[in-house]
Amino acid sequence: MNTLIPDLFSLTLEHFPAPSDDTYQTCQALRERHFSTVQAGLGADFAAKLRDTLDELGQLERERAFLQGLRLGLALNRL
């Protein structure tokens, strides 16, 4: 089941892409500004490792939220 969730999540994103609203774009711009500061202070290698780690964590959190939503949907369907 654990390997099925990322596949289902990817399939869902293909058919229902997440909207990119103003709040999301503002947050992305702020993130890039912060990473530029980290890169200038701690170096490009560290900034890249930090970005990769945070991107992976974000992906895991989105998959976990997707799984929780899927479980909720199935539970509601049984009511």
N, C-alpha and C. Protein backbone atom coordinates (compact mmCIF):
# COMPACT_ATOMS: atom_id res chain seq x y z
N MET A 1 0.81 -1.20 0.00
CA MET A 1 0.00 0.00 0.00
C MET A 1 0.86 1.26 0.00
N ASN A 2 2.00 1.22 0.71
CA ASN A 2 2.84 2.41 0.77
C ASN A 2 3.39 2.82 -0.59
N THR A 3 3.61 1.86 -1.48
CA THR A 3 4.11 2.22 -2.81
C THR A 3 2.99 2.68 -3.71
N LEU A 4 1.76 2.34 -3.38
CA LEU A 4 0.62 2.74 -4.19
C LEU A 4 0.26 4.21 -3.99
N ILE A 5 0.43 4.73 -2.79
CA ILE A 5 0.04 6.10 -2.49
C ILE A 5 0.78 7.12 -3.36
N PRO A 6 2.11 7.06 -3.50
CA PRO A 6 2.77 8.03 -4.38
C PRO A 6 2.27 7.95 -5.83
N ASP A 7 1.97 6.73 -6.30
CA ASP A 7 1.46 6.58 -7.66
C ASP A 7 0.07 7.20 -7.79
N LEU A 8 -0.79 6.97 -6.81
CA LEU A 8 -2.12 7.57 -6.83
C LEU A 8 -2.03 9.09 -6.73
N PHE A 9 -1.13 9.56 -5.89
CA PHE A 9 -0.94 11.00 -5.74
C PHE A 9 -0.48 11.63 -7.05
N SER A 10 0.49 11.02 -7.72
CA SER A 10 0.98 11.53 -9.01
C SER A 10 -0.12 11.52 -10.05
N LEU A 11 -0.91 10.46 -10.08
CA LEU A 11 -2.02 10.35 -11.02
C LEU A 11 -3.04 11.46 -10.77
N THR A 12 -3.32 11.72 -9.51
CA THR A 12 -4.26 12.79 -9.15
C THR A 12 -3.73 14.14 -9.62
N LEU A 13 -2.44 14.40 -9.41
CA LEU A 13 -1.87 15.68 -9.84
C LEU A 13 -1.90 15.84 -11.36
N GLU A 14 -1.76 14.74 -12.08
CA GLU A 14 -1.83 14.81 -13.54
C GLU A 14 -3.22 15.24 -14.00
N HIS A 15 -4.24 14.72 -13.35
CA HIS A 15 -5.62 15.00 -13.75
C HIS A 15 -6.20 16.24 -13.09
N PHE A 16 -5.71 16.60 -11.92
CA PHE A 16 -6.20 17.75 -11.18
C PHE A 16 -5.01 18.55 -10.64
N PRO A 17 -4.33 19.29 -11.51
CA PRO A 17 -3.15 20.03 -11.05
C PRO A 17 -3.52 21.07 -9.99
N ALA A 18 -2.60 21.26 -9.06
CA ALA A 18 -2.83 22.24 -8.00
C ALA A 18 -2.81 23.65 -8.58
N PRO A 19 -3.77 24.47 -8.19
CA PRO A 19 -3.77 25.85 -8.70
C PRO A 19 -2.60 26.64 -8.13
N SER A 20 -2.10 27.55 -8.91
CA SER A 20 -0.99 28.40 -8.48
C SER A 20 -1.53 29.81 -8.28
N ASP A 21 -2.04 30.08 -7.07
CA ASP A 21 -2.64 31.38 -6.80
C ASP A 21 -1.58 32.39 -6.34
N ASP A 22 -2.02 33.61 -6.05
CA ASP A 22 -1.10 34.68 -5.66
C ASP A 22 -0.38 34.36 -4.35
N THR A 23 -1.07 33.77 -3.40
CA THR A 23 -0.45 33.43 -2.12
C THR A 23 0.67 32.42 -2.33
N TYR A 24 0.43 31.42 -3.16
CA TYR A 24 1.44 30.40 -3.44
C TYR A 24 2.65 31.03 -4.13
N GLN A 25 2.41 31.87 -5.10
CA GLN A 25 3.52 32.50 -5.83
C GLN A 25 4.31 33.43 -4.92
N THR A 26 3.64 34.14 -4.03
CA THR A 26 4.32 35.02 -3.08
C THR A 26 5.21 34.20 -2.15
N CYS A 27 4.68 33.07 -1.68
CA CYS A 27 5.45 32.19 -0.79
C CYS A 27 6.66 31.61 -1.51
N GLN A 28 6.48 31.22 -2.77
CA GLN A 28 7.59 30.68 -3.56
C GLN A 28 8.69 31.73 -3.74
N ALA A 29 8.30 32.96 -4.03
CA ALA A 29 9.28 34.04 -4.20
C ALA A 29 10.04 34.30 -2.90
N LEU A 30 9.34 34.26 -1.77
CA LEU A 30 9.98 34.45 -0.48
C LEU A 30 10.95 33.31 -0.19
N ARG A 31 10.54 32.10 -0.52
CA ARG A 31 11.41 30.94 -0.34
C ARG A 31 12.70 31.10 -1.13
N GLU A 32 12.59 31.51 -2.38
CA GLU A 32 13.78 31.70 -3.22
C GLU A 32 14.68 32.79 -2.66
N ARG A 33 14.09 33.85 -2.13
CA ARG A 33 14.89 34.92 -1.53
C ARG A 33 15.64 34.40 -0.31
N HIS A 34 14.98 33.58 0.50
CA HIS A 34 15.64 33.01 1.67
C HIS A 34 16.76 32.04 1.26
N PHE A 35 16.52 31.25 0.22
CA PHE A 35 17.56 30.34 -0.24
C PHE A 35 18.76 31.09 -0.80
N SER A 36 18.52 32.22 -1.42
CA SER A 36 19.63 33.05 -1.91
C SER A 36 20.48 33.53 -0.74
N THR A 37 19.83 33.91 0.35
CA THR A 37 20.54 34.35 1.55
C THR A 37 21.35 33.20 2.15
N VAL A 38 20.74 32.02 2.22
CA VAL A 38 21.45 30.84 2.74
C VAL A 38 22.64 30.52 1.86
N GLN A 39 22.45 30.58 0.55
CA GLN A 39 23.53 30.27 -0.39
C GLN A 39 24.69 31.26 -0.22
N ALA A 40 24.35 32.53 -0.06
CA ALA A 40 25.40 33.54 0.11
C ALA A 40 26.16 33.34 1.42
N GLY A 41 25.46 32.93 2.45
CA GLY A 41 26.11 32.78 3.76
C GLY A 41 26.78 31.44 3.99
N LEU A 42 26.16 30.38 3.48
CA LEU A 42 26.66 29.04 3.79
C LEU A 42 27.17 28.26 2.58
N GLY A 43 27.03 28.82 1.42
CA GLY A 43 27.55 28.17 0.22
C GLY A 43 26.47 27.46 -0.59
N ALA A 44 26.76 27.31 -1.87
CA ALA A 44 25.80 26.71 -2.80
C ALA A 44 25.54 25.25 -2.49
N ASP A 45 26.55 24.52 -2.07
CA ASP A 45 26.38 23.10 -1.78
C ASP A 45 25.41 22.88 -0.63
N PHE A 46 25.59 23.64 0.45
CA PHE A 46 24.70 23.51 1.60
C PHE A 46 23.28 23.93 1.22
N ALA A 47 23.14 25.01 0.47
CA ALA A 47 21.82 25.49 0.06
C ALA A 47 21.11 24.44 -0.80
N ALA A 48 21.84 23.77 -1.67
CA ALA A 48 21.24 22.73 -2.51
C ALA A 48 20.80 21.53 -1.67
N LYS A 49 21.63 21.14 -0.71
CA LYS A 49 21.26 20.02 0.17
C LYS A 49 20.03 20.37 1.00
N LEU A 50 19.99 21.59 1.51
CA LEU A 50 18.84 22.03 2.30
C LEU A 50 17.58 22.06 1.44
N ARG A 51 17.68 22.59 0.23
CA ARG A 51 16.54 22.63 -0.68
C ARG A 51 16.03 21.22 -0.99
N ASP A 52 16.95 20.31 -1.28
CA ASP A 52 16.56 18.92 -1.58
C ASP A 52 15.85 18.27 -0.39
N THR A 53 16.39 18.50 0.80
CA THR A 53 15.78 17.92 2.00
C THR A 53 14.38 18.50 2.24
N LEU A 54 14.24 19.80 2.12
CA LEU A 54 12.94 20.43 2.33
C LEU A 54 11.94 20.05 1.23
N ASP A 55 12.41 19.90 0.01
CA ASP A 55 11.53 19.46 -1.07
C ASP A 55 11.03 18.03 -0.82
N GLU A 56 11.92 17.17 -0.37
CA GLU A 56 11.53 15.79 -0.07
C GLU A 56 10.54 15.75 1.09
N LEU A 57 10.80 16.54 2.12
CA LEU A 57 9.89 16.61 3.26
C LEU A 57 8.52 17.12 2.81
N GLY A 58 8.50 18.14 1.98
CA GLY A 58 7.24 18.67 1.47
C GLY A 58 6.46 17.62 0.69
N GLN A 59 7.17 16.86 -0.13
CA GLN A 59 6.52 15.80 -0.90
C GLN A 59 5.92 14.74 0.03
N LEU A 60 6.67 14.35 1.06
CA LEU A 60 6.16 13.37 2.02
C LEU A 60 4.93 13.91 2.76
N GLU A 61 4.95 15.17 3.11
CA GLU A 61 3.81 15.77 3.79
C GLU A 61 2.59 15.84 2.88
N ARG A 62 2.78 16.17 1.60
CA ARG A 62 1.66 16.19 0.65
C ARG A 62 1.09 14.79 0.46
N GLU A 63 1.96 13.80 0.37
CA GLU A 63 1.48 12.42 0.22
C GLU A 63 0.73 11.97 1.47
N ARG A 64 1.21 12.35 2.63
CA ARG A 64 0.52 11.99 3.88
C ARG A 64 -0.86 12.66 3.94
N ALA A 65 -0.93 13.94 3.57
CA ALA A 65 -2.21 14.63 3.56
C ALA A 65 -3.16 14.01 2.53
N PHE A 66 -2.62 13.61 1.39
CA PHE A 66 -3.43 12.94 0.37
C PHE A 66 -3.99 11.64 0.92
N LEU A 67 -3.17 10.86 1.59
CA LEU A 67 -3.61 9.58 2.16
C LEU A 67 -4.70 9.82 3.21
N GLN A 68 -4.52 10.83 4.05
CA GLN A 68 -5.54 11.13 5.05
C GLN A 68 -6.85 11.55 4.38
N GLY A 69 -6.76 12.34 3.33
CA GLY A 69 -7.96 12.74 2.60
C GLY A 69 -8.63 11.55 1.92
N LEU A 70 -7.83 10.66 1.39
CA LEU A 70 -8.36 9.46 0.75
C LEU A 70 -9.09 8.59 1.78
N ARG A 71 -8.48 8.43 2.92
CA ARG A 71 -9.13 7.65 3.99
C ARG A 71 -10.42 8.31 4.45
N LEU A 72 -10.40 9.62 4.59
CA LEU A 72 -11.61 10.33 4.99
C LEU A 72 -12.71 10.16 3.95
N GLY A 73 -12.34 10.30 2.67
CA GLY A 73 -13.31 10.12 1.60
C GLY A 73 -13.93 8.73 1.60
N LEU A 74 -13.11 7.72 1.81
CA LEU A 74 -13.64 6.36 1.86
C LEU A 74 -14.53 6.14 3.08
N ALA A 75 -14.13 6.74 4.21
CA ALA A 75 -14.96 6.61 5.42
C ALA A 75 -16.29 7.32 5.23
N LEU A 76 -16.29 8.49 4.63
CA LEU A 76 -17.53 9.21 4.39
C LEU A 76 -18.42 8.49 3.40
N ASN A 77 -17.82 7.82 2.45
CA ASN A 77 -18.56 7.07 1.45
C ASN A 77 -19.33 5.90 2.10
N ARG A 78 -18.78 5.37 3.20
CA ARG A 78 -19.43 4.23 3.89
C ARG A 78 -20.60 4.66 4.76
N LEU A 79 -20.71 5.96 5.04
CA LEU A 79 -21.81 6.44 5.92
C LEU A 79 -23.15 6.32 5.24
